């Protein structure tokens, strides 16, 4: 059942989207105005305190295990993290690729959370015409919590350094996020976001 806070966000977003649709008729671009609304599910307790699965949710074979290649239509509106962790995933097998976690989840220091929140506001849709080097490397998943709700930011440490969101790191394929405030598709982000993630891993 939706909480009063969620209803307020929904009504506000609906009004803003209606206004945006009216503007779009005059040729103005339609902005993305949703704010991230956490789910009511206690995802942390559900997985006994783990925030990273042993492997990333498998993408359809048609995507060779990488997930959607379509650029996101607009930027996400992600809430500021209350806590965050980093996990590394390495590719295994042939095609489709399977992404297996390496080592334990590593917490992001509290002193780094404000900087992380700023970096997350800089996520933008990837270029439609991007040309990526044909190499392969690890993926990093930055998982952050709002209450007991988890959101994953999956970053390729190869190619175009593509970024995909998952609104449930245990079940939602990266790039298929649909929770309010997240977006489907491929994003681009600041190099400092990947650097912070690498440094947290030790």
Protein backbone atom coordinates (compact mmCIF):
# COMPACT_ATOMS: atom_id res chain seq x y z
CA UNK A 1 0.00 0.00 0.00
CA UNK A 2 1.35 3.45 -0.92
CA UNK A 3 2.28 5.75 1.94
CA UNK A 4 1.08 9.35 2.26
CA UNK A 5 4.54 10.51 1.19
CA UNK A 6 4.42 8.37 -1.94
CA UNK A 7 0.96 9.73 -2.83
CA UNK A 8 2.22 13.30 -2.44
CA UNK A 9 5.16 12.59 -4.73
CA UNK A 10 2.87 10.89 -7.26
CA UNK A 11 0.38 13.77 -7.34
CA UNK A 12 3.16 16.35 -7.61
CA UNK A 13 4.88 14.44 -10.39
CA UNK A 14 1.58 14.01 -12.26
CA UNK A 15 0.88 17.74 -12.17
CA UNK A 16 4.38 18.60 -13.35
CA UNK A 17 4.25 16.01 -16.12
CA UNK A 18 0.92 17.41 -17.32
CA UNK A 19 2.43 20.88 -17.49
CA UNK A 20 5.42 19.49 -19.33
CA UNK A 21 3.21 17.75 -21.87
CA UNK A 22 1.40 21.02 -22.58
CA UNK A 23 4.73 22.75 -23.13
CA UNK A 24 5.91 19.97 -25.44
CA UNK A 25 3.12 20.84 -27.83
CA UNK A 26 4.87 24.16 -28.49
CA UNK A 27 8.18 22.47 -29.26
CA UNK A 28 9.71 22.75 -25.79
CA UNK A 29 11.52 19.62 -24.53
CA UNK A 30 9.72 17.47 -21.97
CA UNK A 31 11.73 17.49 -18.71
CA UNK A 32 12.08 14.58 -16.35
CA UNK A 33 10.55 15.62 -13.03
CA UNK A 34 10.07 12.41 -11.05
CA UNK A 35 11.84 12.07 -7.73
CA UNK A 36 12.99 8.72 -6.45
CA UNK A 37 10.34 7.08 -4.25
CA UNK A 38 11.66 4.18 -2.15
CA UNK A 39 9.64 0.98 -2.07
CA UNK A 40 7.98 -0.28 1.10
CA UNK A 41 9.90 -3.58 0.93
CA UNK A 42 12.70 -4.18 3.45
CA UNK A 43 15.27 -5.35 0.91
CA UNK A 44 18.16 -5.40 3.38
CA UNK A 45 16.50 -7.75 5.87
CA UNK A 46 15.17 -9.89 3.02
CA UNK A 47 18.76 -10.74 2.08
CA UNK A 48 20.19 -11.08 5.59
CA UNK A 49 22.11 -7.82 5.40
CA UNK A 50 23.62 -8.52 1.98
CA UNK A 51 23.20 -5.78 -0.61
CA UNK A 52 24.95 -7.46 -3.57
CA UNK A 53 23.87 -10.78 -5.12
CA UNK A 54 26.38 -13.48 -6.00
CA UNK A 55 25.80 -12.65 -9.64
CA UNK A 56 24.03 -9.84 -11.43
CA UNK A 57 20.47 -10.62 -12.57
CA UNK A 58 20.93 -12.21 -16.01
CA UNK A 59 20.09 -10.07 -19.03
CA UNK A 60 18.22 -11.56 -22.00
CA UNK A 61 20.36 -13.71 -24.34
CA UNK A 62 19.51 -11.27 -27.17
CA UNK A 63 21.68 -8.66 -25.37
CA UNK A 64 24.56 -11.15 -24.93
CA UNK A 65 24.35 -10.70 -21.18
CA UNK A 66 25.12 -6.96 -21.19
CA UNK A 67 21.58 -5.62 -20.94
CA UNK A 68 19.86 -2.99 -23.02
CA UNK A 69 21.98 -0.94 -25.41
CA UNK A 70 19.35 1.78 -25.80
CA UNK A 71 20.25 5.17 -24.37
CA UNK A 72 18.04 6.40 -21.54
CA UNK A 73 15.44 8.96 -22.64
CA UNK A 74 16.15 11.33 -19.76
CA UNK A 75 18.27 11.71 -16.65
CA UNK A 76 17.29 9.98 -13.40
CA UNK A 77 16.34 11.83 -10.21
CA UNK A 78 18.09 9.75 -7.57
CA UNK A 79 17.74 10.44 -3.87
CA UNK A 80 20.83 11.17 -1.75
CA UNK A 81 22.25 7.91 -0.31
CA UNK A 82 21.98 7.22 3.41
CA UNK A 83 24.49 4.35 3.13
CA UNK A 84 26.33 2.83 0.18
CA UNK A 85 28.46 -0.18 -0.74
CA UNK A 86 30.57 -1.28 -3.69
CA UNK A 87 30.80 -4.74 -5.26
CA UNK A 88 32.91 -5.96 -8.18
CA UNK A 89 31.61 -8.36 -10.85
CA UNK A 90 33.79 -10.11 -13.41
CA UNK A 91 32.55 -11.65 -16.68
CA UNK A 92 32.53 -15.43 -16.94
CA UNK A 93 31.58 -17.91 -19.62
CA UNK A 94 30.95 -17.23 -23.27
CA UNK A 95 27.88 -15.50 -24.63
CA UNK A 96 25.66 -14.53 -22.98
CA UNK A 97 28.10 -13.22 -20.38
CA UNK A 98 27.45 -14.04 -16.71
CA UNK A 99 28.60 -11.47 -14.15
CA UNK A 100 29.95 -13.07 -10.95
CA UNK A 101 30.73 -11.15 -7.76
CA UNK A 102 34.36 -11.06 -6.65
CA UNK A 103 35.03 -10.64 -2.92
CA UNK A 104 32.83 -8.99 -0.32
CA UNK A 105 30.74 -5.85 -0.44
CA UNK A 106 32.73 -2.82 0.69
CA UNK A 107 31.06 0.10 2.50
CA UNK A 108 31.47 3.63 1.19
CA UNK A 109 32.78 5.81 4.05
CA UNK A 110 30.18 8.16 5.53
CA UNK A 111 32.43 11.12 4.76
CA UNK A 112 32.16 10.29 1.04
CA UNK A 113 28.35 10.13 0.86
CA UNK A 114 27.75 13.83 0.20
CA UNK A 115 30.22 13.76 -2.68
CA UNK A 116 28.58 10.59 -3.97
CA UNK A 117 25.16 12.25 -3.88
CA UNK A 118 26.53 15.10 -6.01
CA UNK A 119 28.04 12.69 -8.53
CA UNK A 120 24.72 10.85 -8.89
CA UNK A 121 23.02 14.10 -9.92
CA UNK A 122 25.40 14.24 -12.89
CA UNK A 123 24.13 11.05 -14.55
CA UNK A 124 22.84 11.77 -18.05
CA UNK A 125 21.55 9.75 -21.03
CA UNK A 126 24.32 8.13 -23.03
CA UNK A 127 24.88 9.37 -26.59
CA UNK A 128 22.81 7.54 -29.20
CA UNK A 129 25.74 7.45 -31.63
CA UNK A 130 28.42 6.34 -29.15
CA UNK A 131 31.17 4.10 -30.51
CA UNK A 132 32.71 1.88 -27.83
CA UNK A 133 36.05 0.01 -27.83
CA UNK A 134 35.64 -3.73 -28.23
CA UNK A 135 37.23 -4.73 -24.94
CA UNK A 136 35.84 -6.37 -21.82
CA UNK A 137 36.51 -5.89 -18.13
CA UNK A 138 34.77 -5.84 -14.77
CA UNK A 139 31.54 -4.21 -13.76
CA UNK A 140 31.19 -2.31 -10.51
CA UNK A 141 27.88 -2.06 -8.71
CA UNK A 142 27.42 0.83 -6.35
CA UNK A 143 24.47 -0.08 -4.12
CA UNK A 144 22.93 2.60 -1.94
CA UNK A 145 20.11 2.59 0.56
CA UNK A 146 17.25 4.92 1.43
CA UNK A 147 15.87 3.37 4.59
CA UNK A 148 15.75 -0.33 3.72
CA UNK A 149 15.24 0.23 -0.02
CA UNK A 150 18.22 -0.58 -2.28
CA UNK A 151 19.15 0.90 -5.65
CA UNK A 152 22.08 -0.27 -7.76
CA UNK A 153 24.24 1.80 -10.13
CA UNK A 154 26.12 -0.64 -12.39
CA UNK A 155 29.19 0.78 -14.16
CA UNK A 156 31.20 -0.88 -16.93
CA UNK A 157 34.96 -0.57 -16.36
CA UNK A 158 35.60 -1.03 -20.08
CA UNK A 159 34.34 0.22 -23.41
CA UNK A 160 32.30 3.43 -23.10
CA UNK A 161 32.06 3.12 -19.31
CA UNK A 162 28.29 2.70 -19.66
CA UNK A 163 26.06 2.95 -16.60
CA UNK A 164 22.79 1.11 -15.96
CA UNK A 165 20.42 1.29 -13.00
CA UNK A 166 18.68 -1.51 -11.13
CA UNK A 167 15.94 -0.78 -8.61
CA UNK A 168 16.46 -4.22 -7.01
CA UNK A 169 20.03 -5.50 -7.28
CA UNK A 170 18.85 -9.09 -6.69
CA UNK A 171 16.09 -9.25 -9.31
CA UNK A 172 16.10 -6.31 -11.75
CA UNK A 173 18.45 -6.54 -14.75
CA UNK A 174 20.73 -3.48 -14.88
CA UNK A 175 19.21 -1.03 -17.33
CA UNK A 176 15.62 -2.17 -16.67
CA UNK A 177 14.92 -0.07 -13.56
CA UNK A 178 11.36 1.26 -13.31
CA UNK A 179 11.06 2.54 -9.71
CA UNK A 180 10.01 6.18 -9.64
CA UNK A 181 13.08 8.38 -10.09
CA UNK A 182 15.17 5.72 -11.85
CA UNK A 183 15.26 5.24 -15.62
CA UNK A 184 15.58 2.42 -18.11
CA UNK A 185 18.37 2.48 -20.66
CA UNK A 186 22.04 3.40 -20.71
CA UNK A 187 23.49 6.42 -18.91
CA UNK A 188 26.81 8.26 -18.90
CA UNK A 189 28.38 9.73 -15.79
CA UNK A 190 31.39 11.63 -14.47
CA UNK A 191 34.72 9.83 -14.36
CA UNK A 192 34.92 10.65 -10.64
CA UNK A 193 31.99 8.32 -9.95
CA UNK A 194 33.86 5.32 -11.33
CA UNK A 195 37.03 6.46 -9.57
CA UNK A 196 35.23 6.70 -6.20
CA UNK A 197 33.87 3.21 -6.75
CA UNK A 198 37.28 1.74 -7.58
CA UNK A 199 38.90 3.40 -4.59
CA UNK A 200 36.22 2.08 -2.22
CA UNK A 201 36.90 -1.46 -3.35
CA UNK A 202 40.43 -1.20 -1.96
